[in-house]
Amino acid sequence: MIKESKEDLNNLLNEFTETIEELKTPPTKLEHLKKNKDLYQEVRGKLHILDARREPIKKKFQYIQEQDQDIGSLELSDEDKLKLESLDEAWSRFNDGLDEANLIIQKCY
């Protein structure tokens, strides 16, 4: 369960980062602009799904941490704890990044 939880957390954080990096890259060609606009629309359409993935991840880690207190053999690294603690902040930065990406896309039109 620890491995799965770490993968879920890392996958979500990577999706946030990679999506914003791609969207904030100013398009140099019309094809790139269309691709960014389509990706932006796709991500906006699935924001509720991305948001819904956060709470189960938090609950899994909470369960793991409770088990760790009871058993003492499950250990989360400081890095994992930091990533988990910064999940809500990452979500906020992701949404801010989407707003910035939208401005970049609009300027190119």
PDB file of N, CA and C in Angstrom:
ATOM      1  N   MET A   1       0.817  -1.199   0.000  1.00  0.00           N
ATOM      2  CA  MET A   1       0.000   0.000   0.000  1.00  0.00           C
ATOM      3  C   MET A   1       0.863   1.265   0.000  1.00  0.00           C
ATOM      4  N   ILE A   2       2.003   1.209   0.658  1.00  0.00           N
ATOM      5  CA  ILE A   2       2.894   2.374   0.682  1.00  0.00           C
ATOM      6  C   ILE A   2       3.376   2.696  -0.730  1.00  0.00           C
ATOM      7  N   LYS A   3       3.804   1.677  -1.447  1.00  0.00           N
ATOM      8  CA  LYS A   3       4.323   1.886  -2.802  1.00  0.00           C
ATOM      9  C   LYS A   3       3.240   2.482  -3.701  1.00  0.00           C
ATOM     10  N   GLU A   4       2.048   1.926  -3.628  1.00  0.00           N
ATOM     11  CA  GLU A   4       0.933   2.411  -4.441  1.00  0.00           C
ATOM     12  C   GLU A   4       0.594   3.864  -4.089  1.00  0.00           C
ATOM     13  N   SER A   5       0.592   4.168  -2.814  1.00  0.00           N
ATOM     14  CA  SER A   5       0.280   5.530  -2.367  1.00  0.00           C
ATOM     15  C   SER A   5       1.329   6.524  -2.850  1.00  0.00           C
ATOM     16  N   LYS A   6       2.591   6.127  -2.756  1.00  0.00           N
ATOM     17  CA  LYS A   6       3.672   6.994  -3.244  1.00  0.00           C
ATOM     18  C   LYS A   6       3.543   7.220  -4.746  1.00  0.00           C
ATOM     19  N   GLU A   7       3.227   6.156  -5.480  1.00  0.00           N
ATOM     20  CA  GLU A   7       3.064   6.280  -6.934  1.00  0.00           C
ATOM     21  C   GLU A   7       1.906   7.212  -7.269  1.00  0.00           C
ATOM     22  N   ASP A   8       0.782   7.054  -6.561  1.00  0.00           N
ATOM     23  CA  ASP A   8      -0.373   7.922  -6.799  1.00  0.00           C
ATOM     24  C   ASP A   8      -0.013   9.389  -6.558  1.00  0.00           C
ATOM     25  N   LEU A   9       0.660   9.643  -5.456  1.00  0.00           N
ATOM     26  CA  LEU A   9       1.061  11.008  -5.114  1.00  0.00           C
ATOM     27  C   LEU A   9       2.021  11.565  -6.159  1.00  0.00           C
ATOM     28  N   ASN A  10       3.046  10.809  -6.497  1.00  0.00           N
ATOM     29  CA  ASN A  10       4.032  11.266  -7.483  1.00  0.00           C
ATOM     30  C   ASN A  10       3.404  11.464  -8.858  1.00  0.00           C
ATOM     31  N   ASN A  11       2.510  10.562  -9.259  1.00  0.00           N
ATOM     32  CA  ASN A  11       1.854  10.689 -10.564  1.00  0.00           C
ATOM     33  C   ASN A  11       1.020  11.961 -10.641  1.00  0.00           C
ATOM     34  N   LEU A  12       0.287  12.254  -9.573  1.00  0.00           N
ATOM     35  CA  LEU A  12      -0.546  13.447  -9.577  1.00  0.00           C
ATOM     36  C   LEU A  12       0.314  14.714  -9.603  1.00  0.00           C
ATOM     37  N   LEU A  13       1.334  14.750  -8.767  1.00  0.00           N
ATOM     38  CA  LEU A  13       2.218  15.924  -8.747  1.00  0.00           C
ATOM     39  C   LEU A  13       2.933  16.101 -10.086  1.00  0.00           C
ATOM     40  N   ASN A  14       3.372  14.995 -10.691  1.00  0.00           N
ATOM     41  CA  ASN A  14       4.020  15.072 -12.009  1.00  0.00           C
ATOM     42  C   ASN A  14       3.046  15.558 -13.071  1.00  0.00           C
ATOM     43  N   GLU A  15       1.811  15.098 -12.989  1.00  0.00           N
ATOM     44  CA  GLU A  15       0.808  15.552 -13.962  1.00  0.00           C
ATOM     45  C   GLU A  15       0.591  17.057 -13.844  1.00  0.00           C
ATOM     46  N   PHE A  16       0.519  17.557 -12.624  1.00  0.00           N
ATOM     47  CA  PHE A  16       0.389  18.999 -12.421  1.00  0.00           C
ATOM     48  C   PHE A  16       1.554  19.733 -13.080  1.00  0.00           C
ATOM     49  N   THR A  17       2.764  19.318 -12.749  1.00  0.00           N
ATOM     50  CA  THR A  17       3.969  20.000 -13.215  1.00  0.00           C
ATOM     51  C   THR A  17       4.119  19.918 -14.732  1.00  0.00           C
ATOM     52  N   GLU A  18       4.000  18.729 -15.278  1.00  0.00           N
ATOM     53  CA  GLU A  18       4.204  18.543 -16.718  1.00  0.00           C
ATOM     54  C   GLU A  18       3.153  19.280 -17.541  1.00  0.00           C
ATOM     55  N   THR A  19       1.915  19.258 -17.078  1.00  0.00           N
ATOM     56  CA  THR A  19       0.846  19.948 -17.811  1.00  0.00           C
ATOM     57  C   THR A  19       1.108  21.440 -17.866  1.00  0.00           C
ATOM     58  N   ILE A  20       1.457  22.017 -16.725  1.00  0.00           N
ATOM     59  CA  ILE A  20       1.694  23.456 -16.685  1.00  0.00           C
ATOM     60  C   ILE A  20       2.930  23.837 -17.499  1.00  0.00           C
ATOM     61  N   GLU A  21       3.981  23.043 -17.400  1.00  0.00           N
ATOM     62  CA  GLU A  21       5.182  23.334 -18.195  1.00  0.00           C
ATOM     63  C   GLU A  21       4.847  23.335 -19.681  1.00  0.00           C
ATOM     64  N   GLU A  22       4.069  22.362 -20.102  1.00  0.00           N
ATOM     65  CA  GLU A  22       3.706  22.272 -21.521  1.00  0.00           C
ATOM     66  C   GLU A  22       2.833  23.460 -21.934  1.00  0.00           C
ATOM     67  N   LEU A  23       1.855  23.788 -21.106  1.00  0.00           N
ATOM     68  CA  LEU A  23       0.935  24.865 -21.453  1.00  0.00           C
ATOM     69  C   LEU A  23       1.579  26.245 -21.404  1.00  0.00           C
ATOM     70  N   LYS A  24       2.575  26.423 -20.561  1.00  0.00           N
ATOM     71  CA  LYS A  24       3.202  27.737 -20.426  1.00  0.00           C
ATOM     72  C   LYS A  24       4.325  27.960 -21.439  1.00  0.00           C
ATOM     73  N   THR A  25       4.625  26.950 -22.235  1.00  0.00           N
ATOM     74  CA  THR A  25       5.616  27.122 -23.291  1.00  0.00           C
ATOM     75  C   THR A  25       4.960  27.917 -24.417  1.00  0.00           C
ATOM     76  N   PRO A  26       5.442  29.134 -24.671  1.00  0.00           N
ATOM     77  CA  PRO A  26       4.815  29.942 -25.718  1.00  0.00           C
ATOM     78  C   PRO A  26       4.886  29.248 -27.078  1.00  0.00           C
ATOM     79  N   PRO A  27       3.745  29.137 -27.723  1.00  0.00           N
ATOM     80  CA  PRO A  27       3.725  28.462 -29.027  1.00  0.00           C
ATOM     81  C   PRO A  27       4.445  29.283 -30.095  1.00  0.00           C
ATOM     82  N   THR A  28       5.200  28.576 -30.913  1.00  0.00           N
ATOM     83  CA  THR A  28       5.918  29.246 -31.988  1.00  0.00           C
ATOM     84  C   THR A  28       5.261  28.977 -33.346  1.00  0.00           C
ATOM     85  N   LYS A  29       4.406  27.972 -33.368  1.00  0.00           N
ATOM     86  CA  LYS A  29       3.701  27.633 -34.609  1.00  0.00           C
ATOM     87  C   LYS A  29       2.220  27.489 -34.310  1.00  0.00           C
ATOM     88  N   LEU A  30       1.432  27.616 -35.339  1.00  0.00           N
ATOM     89  CA  LEU A  30      -0.010  27.498 -35.202  1.00  0.00           C
ATOM     90  C   LEU A  30      -0.416  26.125 -34.655  1.00  0.00           C
ATOM     91  N   GLU A  31       0.294  25.080 -35.081  1.00  0.00           N
ATOM     92  CA  GLU A  31      -0.004  23.721 -34.609  1.00  0.00           C
ATOM     93  C   GLU A  31       0.192  23.621 -33.089  1.00  0.00           C
ATOM     94  N   HIS A  32       1.272  24.236 -32.609  1.00  0.00           N
ATOM     95  CA  HIS A  32       1.568  24.208 -31.179  1.00  0.00           C
ATOM     96  C   HIS A  32       0.498  24.977 -30.400  1.00  0.00           C
ATOM     97  N   LEU A  33       0.054  26.098 -30.947  1.00  0.00           N
ATOM     98  CA  LEU A  33      -0.995  26.885 -30.317  1.00  0.00           C
ATOM     99  C   LEU A  33      -2.281  26.074 -30.210  1.00  0.00           C
ATOM    100  N   LYS A  34      -2.635  25.390 -31.278  1.00  0.00           N
ATOM    101  CA  LYS A  34      -3.845  24.556 -31.260  1.00  0.00           C
ATOM    102  C   LYS A  34      -3.705  23.431 -30.245  1.00  0.00           C
ATOM    103  N   LYS A  35      -2.531  22.814 -30.215  1.00  0.00           N
ATOM    104  CA  LYS A  35      -2.286  21.729 -29.265  1.00  0.00           C
ATOM    105  C   LYS A  35      -2.438  22.233 -27.829  1.00  0.00           C
ATOM    106  N   ASN A  36      -1.853  23.392 -27.536  1.00  0.00           N
ATOM    107  CA  ASN A  36      -1.955  23.960 -26.191  1.00  0.00           C
ATOM    108  C   ASN A  36      -3.395  24.326 -25.843  1.00  0.00           C
ATOM    109  N   LYS A  37      -4.098  24.908 -26.806  1.00  0.00           N
ATOM    110  CA  LYS A  37      -5.488  25.279 -26.557  1.00  0.00           C
ATOM    111  C   LYS A  37      -6.324  24.033 -26.284  1.00  0.00           C
ATOM    112  N   ASP A  38      -6.126  22.990 -27.075  1.00  0.00           N
ATOM    113  CA  ASP A  38      -6.866  21.738 -26.872  1.00  0.00           C
ATOM    114  C   ASP A  38      -6.528  21.113 -25.522  1.00  0.00           C
ATOM    115  N   LEU A  39      -5.243  21.116 -25.167  1.00  0.00           N
ATOM    116  CA  LEU A  39      -4.828  20.561 -23.875  1.00  0.00           C
ATOM    117  C   LEU A  39      -5.434  21.371 -22.736  1.00  0.00           C
ATOM    118  N   TYR A  40      -5.413  22.681 -22.867  1.00  0.00           N
ATOM    119  CA  TYR A  40      -5.998  23.546 -21.846  1.00  0.00           C
ATOM    120  C   TYR A  40      -7.480  23.216 -21.648  1.00  0.00           C
ATOM    121  N   GLN A  41      -8.217  23.104 -22.750  1.00  0.00           N
ATOM    122  CA  GLN A  41      -9.646  22.776 -22.667  1.00  0.00           C
ATOM    123  C   GLN A  41      -9.868  21.401 -22.042  1.00  0.00           C
ATOM    124  N   GLU A  42      -9.018  20.445 -22.413  1.00  0.00           N
ATOM    125  CA  GLU A  42      -9.120  19.094 -21.862  1.00  0.00           C
ATOM    126  C   GLU A  42      -8.905  19.113 -20.340  1.00  0.00           C
ATOM    127  N   VAL A  43      -7.872  19.806 -19.914  1.00  0.00           N
ATOM    128  CA  VAL A  43      -7.556  19.872 -18.483  1.00  0.00           C
ATOM    129  C   VAL A  43      -8.659  20.597 -17.728  1.00  0.00           C
ATOM    130  N   ARG A  44      -9.157  21.705 -18.274  1.00  0.00           N
ATOM    131  CA  ARG A  44     -10.264  22.428 -17.629  1.00  0.00           C
ATOM    132  C   ARG A  44     -11.482  21.519 -17.475  1.00  0.00           C
ATOM    133  N   GLY A  45     -11.698  20.676 -18.481  1.00  0.00           N
ATOM    134  CA  GLY A  45     -12.840  19.765 -18.441  1.00  0.00           C
ATOM    135  C   GLY A  45     -12.708  18.664 -17.403  1.00  0.00           C
ATOM    136  N   LYS A  46     -11.483  18.341 -17.017  1.00  0.00           N
ATOM    137  CA  LYS A  46     -11.285  17.265 -16.047  1.00  0.00           C
ATOM    138  C   LYS A  46     -10.735  17.762 -14.705  1.00  0.00           C
ATOM    139  N   LEU A  47     -10.873  19.053 -14.446  1.00  0.00           N
ATOM    140  CA  LEU A  47     -10.386  19.604 -13.179  1.00  0.00           C
ATOM    141  C   LEU A  47     -11.034  18.909 -11.978  1.00  0.00           C
ATOM    142  N   HIS A  48     -12.331  18.647 -12.087  1.00  0.00           N
ATOM    143  CA  HIS A  48     -13.017  17.999 -10.969  1.00  0.00           C
ATOM    144  C   HIS A  48     -12.470  16.594 -10.711  1.00  0.00           C
ATOM    145  N   ILE A  49     -12.030  15.920 -11.752  1.00  0.00           N
ATOM    146  CA  ILE A  49     -11.447  14.580 -11.601  1.00  0.00           C
ATOM    147  C   ILE A  49     -10.075  14.683 -10.933  1.00  0.00           C
ATOM    148  N   LEU A  50      -9.274  15.631 -11.385  1.00  0.00           N
ATOM    149  CA  LEU A  50      -7.959  15.830 -10.772  1.00  0.00           C
ATOM    150  C   LEU A  50      -8.103  16.218  -9.300  1.00  0.00           C
ATOM    151  N   ASP A  51      -9.036  17.099  -9.024  1.00  0.00           N
ATOM    152  CA  ASP A  51      -9.270  17.522  -7.650  1.00  0.00           C
ATOM    153  C   ASP A  51      -9.711  16.336  -6.786  1.00  0.00           C
ATOM    154  N   ALA A  52     -10.546  15.497  -7.332  1.00  0.00           N
ATOM    155  CA  ALA A  52     -11.069  14.348  -6.587  1.00  0.00           C
ATOM    156  C   ALA A  52      -9.989  13.312  -6.273  1.00  0.00           C
ATOM    157  N   ARG A  53      -8.895  13.331  -6.980  1.00  0.00           N
ATOM    158  CA  ARG A  53      -7.800  12.379  -6.716  1.00  0.00           C
ATOM    159  C   ARG A  53      -7.002  12.739  -5.467  1.00  0.00           C
ATOM    160  N   ARG A  54      -7.084  13.982  -5.029  1.00  0.00           N
ATOM    161  CA  ARG A  54      -6.262  14.425  -3.896  1.00  0.00           C
ATOM    162  C   ARG A  54      -6.689  13.782  -2.577  1.00  0.00           C
ATOM    163  N   GLU A  55      -7.986  13.787  -2.289  1.00  0.00           N
ATOM    164  CA  GLU A  55      -8.457  13.310  -0.989  1.00  0.00           C
ATOM    165  C   GLU A  55      -8.153  11.825  -0.743  1.00  0.00           C
ATOM    166  N   PRO A  56      -8.372  10.942  -1.729  1.00  0.00           N
ATOM    167  CA  PRO A  56      -8.012   9.536  -1.489  1.00  0.00           C
ATOM    168  C   PRO A  56      -6.521   9.331  -1.207  1.00  0.00           C
ATOM    169  N   ILE A  57      -5.692  10.121  -1.854  1.00  0.00           N
ATOM    170  CA  ILE A  57      -4.247  10.034  -1.598  1.00  0.00           C
ATOM    171  C   ILE A  57      -3.963  10.429  -0.161  1.00  0.00           C
ATOM    172  N   LYS A  58      -4.555  11.530   0.280  1.00  0.00           N
ATOM    173  CA  LYS A  58      -4.357  11.975   1.653  1.00  0.00           C
ATOM    174  C   LYS A  58      -4.826  10.909   2.641  1.00  0.00           C
ATOM    175  N   LYS A  59      -5.978  10.296   2.356  1.00  0.00           N
ATOM    176  CA  LYS A  59      -6.528   9.282   3.268  1.00  0.00           C
ATOM    177  C   LYS A  59      -5.642   8.046   3.327  1.00  0.00           C
ATOM    178  N   LYS A  60      -5.083   7.654   2.196  1.00  0.00           N
ATOM    179  CA  LYS A  60      -4.167   6.503   2.186  1.00  0.00           C
ATOM    180  C   LYS A  60      -2.951   6.782   3.061  1.00  0.00           C
ATOM    181  N   PHE A  61      -2.385   7.970   2.894  1.00  0.00           N
ATOM    182  CA  PHE A  61      -1.209   8.314   3.697  1.00  0.00           C
ATOM    183  C   PHE A  61      -1.561   8.454   5.176  1.00  0.00           C
ATOM    184  N   GLN A  62      -2.744   8.963   5.461  1.00  0.00           N
ATOM    185  CA  GLN A  62      -3.174   9.059   6.854  1.00  0.00           C
ATOM    186  C   GLN A  62      -3.270   7.660   7.463  1.00  0.00           C
ATOM    187  N   TYR A  63      -3.837   6.735   6.704  1.00  0.00           N
ATOM    188  CA  TYR A  63      -3.932   5.347   7.173  1.00  0.00           C
ATOM    189  C   TYR A  63      -2.536   4.749   7.391  1.00  0.00           C
ATOM    190  N   ILE A  64      -1.661   4.992   6.446  1.00  0.00           N
ATOM    191  CA  ILE A  64      -0.282   4.477   6.560  1.00  0.00           C
ATOM    192  C   ILE A  64       0.390   5.046   7.806  1.00  0.00           C
ATOM    193  N   GLN A  65       0.228   6.322   8.033  1.00  0.00           N
ATOM    194  CA  GLN A  65       0.842   6.953   9.198  1.00  0.00           C
ATOM    195  C   GLN A  65       0.250   6.414  10.506  1.00  0.00           C
ATOM    196  N   GLU A  66      -1.051   6.140  10.507  1.00  0.00           N
ATOM    197  CA  GLU A  66      -1.677   5.550  11.694  1.00  0.00           C
ATOM    198  C   GLU A  66      -1.121   4.153  11.944  1.00  0.00           C
ATOM    199  N   GLN A  67      -0.942   3.397  10.873  1.00  0.00           N
ATOM    200  CA  GLN A  67      -0.387   2.055  11.005  1.00  0.00           C
ATOM    201  C   GLN A  67       1.055   2.120  11.496  1.00  0.00           C
ATOM    202  N   ASP A  68       1.759   3.111  11.023  1.00  0.00           N
ATOM    203  CA  ASP A  68       3.156   3.285  11.434  1.00  0.00           C
ATOM    204  C   ASP A  68       3.241   3.546  12.938  1.00  0.00           C
ATOM    205  N   GLN A  69       2.311   4.321  13.451  1.00  0.00           N
ATOM    206  CA  GLN A  69       2.302   4.597  14.888  1.00  0.00           C
ATOM    207  C   GLN A  69       1.981   3.329  15.681  1.00  0.00           C
ATOM    208  N   ASP A  70       1.076   2.498  15.134  1.00  0.00           N
ATOM    209  CA  ASP A  70       0.682   1.269  15.832  1.00  0.00           C
ATOM    210  C   ASP A  70       1.735   0.177  15.721  1.00  0.00           C
ATOM    211  N   ILE A  71       2.286   0.023  14.521  1.00  0.00           N
ATOM    212  CA  ILE A  71       3.213  -1.080  14.258  1.00  0.00           C
ATOM    213  C   ILE A  71       4.665  -0.625  14.353  1.00  0.00           C
ATOM    214  N   GLY A  72       4.933   0.541  13.790  1.00  0.00           N
ATOM    215  CA  GLY A  72       6.277   1.087  13.844  1.00  0.00           C
ATOM    216  C   GLY A  72       7.207   0.590  12.759  1.00  0.00           C
ATOM    217  N   SER A  73       6.714  -0.223  11.848  1.00  0.00           N
ATOM    218  CA  SER A  73       7.608  -0.765  10.815  1.00  0.00           C
ATOM    219  C   SER A  73       7.441  -0.065   9.466  1.00  0.00           C
ATOM    220  N   LEU A  74       6.372   0.684   9.308  1.00  0.00           N
ATOM    221  CA  LEU A  74       6.135   1.395   8.055  1.00  0.00           C
ATOM    222  C   LEU A  74       6.777   2.766   8.167  1.00  0.00           C
ATOM    223  N   GLU A  75       7.627   3.068   7.248  1.00  0.00           N
ATOM    224  CA  GLU A  75       8.324   4.344   7.365  1.00  0.00           C
ATOM    225  C   GLU A  75       8.170   5.154   6.094  1.00  0.00           C
ATOM    226  N   LEU A  76       7.726   6.382   6.261  1.00  0.00           N
ATOM    227  CA  LEU A  76       7.649   7.317   5.151  1.00  0.00           C
ATOM    228  C   LEU A  76       8.873   8.205   5.198  1.00  0.00           C
ATOM    229  N   SER A  77       9.437   8.442   4.046  1.00  0.00           N
ATOM    230  CA  SER A  77      10.610   9.315   4.000  1.00  0.00           C
ATOM    231  C   SER A  77      10.181  10.765   4.228  1.00  0.00           C
ATOM    232  N   ASP A  78      11.134  11.577   4.605  1.00  0.00           N
ATOM    233  CA  ASP A  78      10.858  13.006   4.778  1.00  0.00           C
ATOM    234  C   ASP A  78      10.379  13.613   3.467  1.00  0.00           C
ATOM    235  N   GLU A  79      10.939  13.116   2.371  1.00  0.00           N
ATOM    236  CA  GLU A  79      10.542  13.607   1.047  1.00  0.00           C
ATOM    237  C   GLU A  79       9.071  13.306   0.777  1.00  0.00           C
ATOM    238  N   ASP A  80       8.634  12.082   1.110  1.00  0.00           N
ATOM    239  CA  ASP A  80       7.230  11.711   0.914  1.00  0.00           C
ATOM    240  C   ASP A  80       6.317  12.573   1.774  1.00  0.00           C
ATOM    241  N   LYS A  81       6.720  12.798   3.010  1.00  0.00           N
ATOM    242  CA  LYS A  81       5.924  13.625   3.913  1.00  0.00           C
ATOM    243  C   LYS A  81       5.820  15.049   3.388  1.00  0.00           C
ATOM    244  N   LEU A  82       6.918  15.573   2.876  1.00  0.00           N
ATOM    245  CA  LEU A  82       6.924  16.930   2.330  1.00  0.00           C
ATOM    246  C   LEU A  82       6.009  17.028   1.108  1.00  0.00           C
ATOM    247  N   LYS A  83       6.090  16.036   0.230  1.00  0.00           N
ATOM    248  CA  LYS A  83       5.230  16.030  -0.962  1.00  0.00           C
ATOM    249  C   LYS A  83       3.765  16.001  -0.558  1.00  0.00           C
ATOM    250  N   LEU A  84       3.440  15.171   0.410  1.00  0.00           N
ATOM    251  CA  LEU A  84       2.065  15.064   0.875  1.00  0.00           C
ATOM    252  C   LEU A  84       1.590  16.376   1.496  1.00  0.00           C
ATOM    253  N   GLU A  85       2.426  16.965   2.320  1.00  0.00           N
ATOM    254  CA  GLU A  85       2.080  18.232   2.968  1.00  0.00           C
ATOM    255  C   GLU A  85       1.913  19.363   1.961  1.00  0.00           C
ATOM    256  N   SER A  86       2.592  19.274   0.832  1.00  0.00           N
ATOM    257  CA  SER A  86       2.528  20.347  -0.162  1.00  0.00           C
ATOM    258  C   SER A  86       1.506  20.060  -1.273  1.00  0.00           C
ATOM    259  N   LEU A  87       0.717  19.002  -1.120  1.00  0.00           N
ATOM    260  CA  LEU A  87      -0.244  18.629  -2.165  1.00  0.00           C
ATOM    261  C   LEU A  87      -1.269  19.735  -2.408  1.00  0.00           C
ATOM    262  N   ASP A  88      -1.823  20.305  -1.350  1.00  0.00           N
ATOM    263  CA  ASP A  88      -2.819  21.372  -1.537  1.00  0.00           C
ATOM    264  C   ASP A  88      -2.191  22.610  -2.165  1.00  0.00           C
ATOM    265  N   GLU A  89      -0.965  22.910  -1.765  1.00  0.00           N
ATOM    266  CA  GLU A  89      -0.255  24.042  -2.360  1.00  0.00           C
ATOM    267  C   GLU A  89       0.033  23.770  -3.843  1.00  0.00           C
ATOM    268  N   ALA A  90       0.386  22.534  -4.162  1.00  0.00           N
ATOM    269  CA  ALA A  90       0.637  22.163  -5.557  1.00  0.00           C
ATOM    270  C   ALA A  90      -0.641  22.312  -6.382  1.00  0.00           C
ATOM    271  N   TRP A  91      -1.769  21.963  -5.783  1.00  0.00           N
ATOM    272  CA  TRP A  91      -3.059  22.114  -6.464  1.00  0.00           C
ATOM    273  C   TRP A  91      -3.339  23.591  -6.753  1.00  0.00           C
ATOM    274  N   SER A  92      -3.064  24.424  -5.781  1.00  0.00           N
ATOM    275  CA  SER A  92      -3.262  25.862  -5.950  1.00  0.00           C
ATOM    276  C   SER A  92      -2.341  26.418  -7.041  1.00  0.00           C
ATOM    277  N   ARG A  93      -1.071  26.005  -7.011  1.00  0.00           N
ATOM    278  CA  ARG A  93      -0.120  26.443  -8.049  1.00  0.00           C
ATOM    279  C   ARG A  93      -0.552  25.932  -9.434  1.00  0.00           C
ATOM    280  N   PHE A  94      -1.089  24.736  -9.476  1.00  0.00           N
ATOM    281  CA  PHE A  94      -1.571  24.165 -10.731  1.00  0.00           C
ATOM    282  C   PHE A  94      -2.690  25.033 -11.307  1.00  0.00           C
ATOM    283  N   ASN A  95      -3.642  25.413 -10.469  1.00  0.00           N
ATOM    284  CA  ASN A  95      -4.741  26.262 -10.931  1.00  0.00           C
ATOM    285  C   ASN A  95      -4.250  27.638 -11.355  1.00  0.00           C
ATOM    286  N   ASP A  96      -3.310  28.195 -10.600  1.00  0.00           N
ATOM    287  CA  ASP A  96      -2.717  29.477 -10.996  1.00  0.00           C
ATOM    288  C   ASP A  96      -1.990  29.339 -12.335  1.00  0.00           C
ATOM    289  N   GLY A  97      -1.294  28.227 -12.514  1.00  0.00           N
ATOM    290  CA  GLY A  97      -0.590  27.962 -13.767  1.00  0.00           C
ATOM    291  C   GLY A  97      -1.546  27.847 -14.946  1.00  0.00           C
ATOM    292  N   LEU A  98      -2.710  27.265 -14.701  1.00  0.00           N
ATOM    293  CA  LEU A  98      -3.720  27.178 -15.766  1.00  0.00           C
ATOM    294  C   LEU A  98      -4.195  28.573 -16.161  1.00  0.00           C
ATOM    295  N   ASP A  99      -4.389  29.424 -15.177  1.00  0.00           N
ATOM    296  CA  ASP A  99      -4.794  30.803 -15.487  1.00  0.00           C
ATOM    297  C   ASP A  99      -3.720  31.515 -16.306  1.00  0.00           C
ATOM    298  N   GLU A 100      -2.457  31.333 -15.923  1.00  0.00           N
ATOM    299  CA  GLU A 100      -1.354  31.942 -16.671  1.00  0.00           C
ATOM    300  C   GLU A 100      -1.278  31.370 -18.085  1.00  0.00           C
ATOM    301  N   ALA A 101      -1.467  30.067 -18.198  1.00  0.00           N
ATOM    302  CA  ALA A 101      -1.429  29.422 -19.521  1.00  0.00           C
ATOM    303  C   ALA A 101      -2.540  29.949 -20.399  1.00  0.00           C
ATOM    304  N   ASN A 102      -3.698  30.182 -19.829  1.00  0.00           N
ATOM    305  CA  ASN A 102      -4.807  30.732 -20.597  1.00  0.00           C
ATOM    306  C   ASN A 102      -4.460  32.109 -21.143  1.00  0.00           C
ATOM    307  N   LEU A 103      -3.818  32.925 -20.319  1.00  0.00           N
ATOM    308  CA  LEU A 103      -3.395  34.253 -20.779  1.00  0.00           C
ATOM    309  C   LEU A 103      -2.395  34.151 -21.927  1.00  0.00           C
ATOM    310  N   ILE A 104      -1.461  33.221 -21.814  1.00  0.00           N
ATOM    311  CA  ILE A 104      -0.475  33.021 -22.886  1.00  0.00           C
ATOM    312  C   ILE A 104      -1.176  32.619 -24.182  1.00  0.00           C
ATOM    313  N   ILE A 105      -2.118  31.697 -24.064  1.00  0.00           N
ATOM    314  CA  ILE A 105      -2.868  31.230 -25.244  1.00  0.00           C
ATOM    315  C   ILE A 105      -3.658  32.384 -25.845  1.00  0.00           C
ATOM    316  N   GLN A 106      -4.330  33.168 -25.002  1.00  0.00           N
ATOM    317  CA  GLN A 106      -5.140  34.286 -25.491  1.00  0.00           C
ATOM    318  C   GLN A 106      -4.292  35.337 -26.177  1.00  0.00           C
ATOM    319  N   LYS A 107      -3.101  35.593 -25.664  1.00  0.00           N
ATOM    320  CA  LYS A 107      -2.204  36.592 -26.278  1.00  0.00           C
ATOM    321  C   LYS A 107      -1.765  36.163 -27.671  1.00  0.00           C
ATOM    322  N   CYS A 108      -1.697  34.859 -27.880  1.00  0.00           N
ATOM    323  CA  CYS A 108      -1.230  34.364 -29.171  1.00  0.00           C
ATOM    324  C   CYS A 108      -2.313  34.399 -30.241  1.00  0.00           C
ATOM    325  N   TYR A 109      -3.548  34.585 -29.836  1.00  0.00           N
ATOM    326  CA  TYR A 109      -4.651  34.644 -30.812  1.00  0.00           C
ATOM    327  C   TYR A 109      -4.783  36.000 -31.413  1.00  0.00           C
TER     328      TYR A 109
END
